[in-house]
Amino acid sequence: MYKVRLLCLFIGYAASFFLVIGLFKPWMMLWWEDVQNRLKVIKVYASIAVVFFLLYRLLGVI
């Protein structure tokens, strides 16, 4: 269970890092989209980061 929790933490940090990059260069992080803008970057990467940080905390309680 420790490794799964650590993986969730890593994915959360990676999504946060990608969020920061995407705020400066949205086309770099949303290359597969037709229209790349900062709002889409926030929706995609912030939601991933929040979900995995919450999962990390939840696995710590269990």
C-alpha atoms as a PDB file:
ATOM      1  CA  MET A   1       0.000   0.000   0.000  1.00  0.00           C
ATOM      2  CA  TYR A   2       2.951   2.285   0.644  1.00  0.00           C
ATOM      3  CA  LYS A   3       4.048   2.151  -3.001  1.00  0.00           C
ATOM      4  CA  VAL A   4       0.565   2.981  -4.285  1.00  0.00           C
ATOM      5  CA  ARG A   5       0.403   5.943  -1.905  1.00  0.00           C
ATOM      6  CA  LEU A   6       3.819   7.111  -3.066  1.00  0.00           C
ATOM      7  CA  LEU A   7       2.744   6.771  -6.705  1.00  0.00           C
ATOM      8  CA  CYS A   8      -0.322   8.937  -6.022  1.00  0.00           C
ATOM      9  CA  LEU A   9       1.908  11.576  -4.446  1.00  0.00           C
ATOM     10  CA  PHE A  10       4.263  11.496  -7.422  1.00  0.00           C
ATOM     11  CA  ILE A  11       1.409  11.827  -9.936  1.00  0.00           C
ATOM     12  CA  GLY A  12      -0.031  14.723  -7.914  1.00  0.00           C
ATOM     13  CA  TYR A  13       3.301  16.547  -7.937  1.00  0.00           C
ATOM     14  CA  ALA A  14       3.821  15.838 -11.638  1.00  0.00           C
ATOM     15  CA  ALA A  15       0.353  17.202 -12.471  1.00  0.00           C
ATOM     16  CA  SER A  16       1.109  20.314 -10.412  1.00  0.00           C
ATOM     17  CA  PHE A  17       4.388  20.768 -12.271  1.00  0.00           C
ATOM     18  CA  PHE A  18       2.627  20.328 -15.626  1.00  0.00           C
ATOM     19  CA  LEU A  19       0.007  22.846 -14.499  1.00  0.00           C
ATOM     20  CA  VAL A  20       2.678  25.472 -13.896  1.00  0.00           C
ATOM     21  CA  ILE A  21       4.276  24.758 -17.275  1.00  0.00           C
ATOM     22  CA  GLY A  22       0.869  24.895 -18.954  1.00  0.00           C
ATOM     23  CA  LEU A  23       0.098  28.289 -17.477  1.00  0.00           C
ATOM     24  CA  PHE A  24       3.106  29.711 -19.322  1.00  0.00           C
ATOM     25  CA  LYS A  25       2.887  27.634 -22.514  1.00  0.00           C
ATOM     26  CA  PRO A  26      -0.529  25.984 -22.888  1.00  0.00           C
ATOM     27  CA  TRP A  27       0.275  24.496 -26.308  1.00  0.00           C
ATOM     28  CA  MET A  28       3.075  22.483 -24.733  1.00  0.00           C
ATOM     29  CA  MET A  29       0.803  20.626 -22.307  1.00  0.00           C
ATOM     30  CA  LEU A  30      -2.327  20.366 -24.492  1.00  0.00           C
ATOM     31  CA  TRP A  31      -0.740  19.408 -27.803  1.00  0.00           C
ATOM     32  CA  TRP A  32      -3.577  16.994 -28.648  1.00  0.00           C
ATOM     33  CA  GLU A  33      -6.340  19.636 -28.389  1.00  0.00           C
ATOM     34  CA  ASP A  34      -7.469  21.823 -31.287  1.00  0.00           C
ATOM     35  CA  VAL A  35      -7.607  24.914 -29.087  1.00  0.00           C
ATOM     36  CA  GLN A  36      -5.130  25.286 -26.251  1.00  0.00           C
ATOM     37  CA  ASN A  37      -5.732  27.871 -23.570  1.00  0.00           C
ATOM     38  CA  ARG A  38      -4.948  28.353 -19.897  1.00  0.00           C
ATOM     39  CA  LEU A  39      -8.473  27.523 -18.739  1.00  0.00           C
ATOM     40  CA  LYS A  40      -8.258  24.059 -20.284  1.00  0.00           C
ATOM     41  CA  VAL A  41      -4.851  23.530 -18.683  1.00  0.00           C
ATOM     42  CA  ILE A  42      -6.312  24.417 -15.302  1.00  0.00           C
ATOM     43  CA  LYS A  43      -9.298  22.120 -15.811  1.00  0.00           C
ATOM     44  CA  VAL A  44      -7.220  19.119 -16.852  1.00  0.00           C
ATOM     45  CA  TYR A  45      -4.120  19.286 -14.691  1.00  0.00           C
ATOM     46  CA  ALA A  46      -5.595  20.910 -11.585  1.00  0.00           C
ATOM     47  CA  SER A  47      -8.334  18.296 -11.431  1.00  0.00           C
ATOM     48  CA  ILE A  48      -5.775  15.489 -11.808  1.00  0.00           C
ATOM     49  CA  ALA A  49      -3.602  17.022  -9.088  1.00  0.00           C
ATOM     50  CA  VAL A  50      -6.510  17.466  -6.671  1.00  0.00           C
ATOM     51  CA  VAL A  51      -7.793  13.926  -7.232  1.00  0.00           C
ATOM     52  CA  PHE A  52      -4.412  12.314  -6.652  1.00  0.00           C
ATOM     53  CA  PHE A  53      -3.568  14.459  -3.608  1.00  0.00           C
ATOM     54  CA  LEU A  54      -6.937  13.518  -2.094  1.00  0.00           C
ATOM     55  CA  LEU A  55      -6.303   9.863  -2.914  1.00  0.00           C
ATOM     56  CA  TYR A  56      -2.877  10.156  -1.263  1.00  0.00           C
ATOM     57  CA  ARG A  57      -4.467  11.557   1.894  1.00  0.00           C
ATOM     58  CA  LEU A  58      -7.226   8.940   1.840  1.00  0.00           C
ATOM     59  CA  LEU A  59      -4.715   6.102   1.541  1.00  0.00           C
ATOM     60  CA  GLY A  60      -2.838   7.555   4.499  1.00  0.00           C
ATOM     61  CA  VAL A  61      -5.930   7.263   6.675  1.00  0.00           C
ATOM     62  CA  ILE A  62      -6.623   3.661   5.695  1.00  0.00           C
END
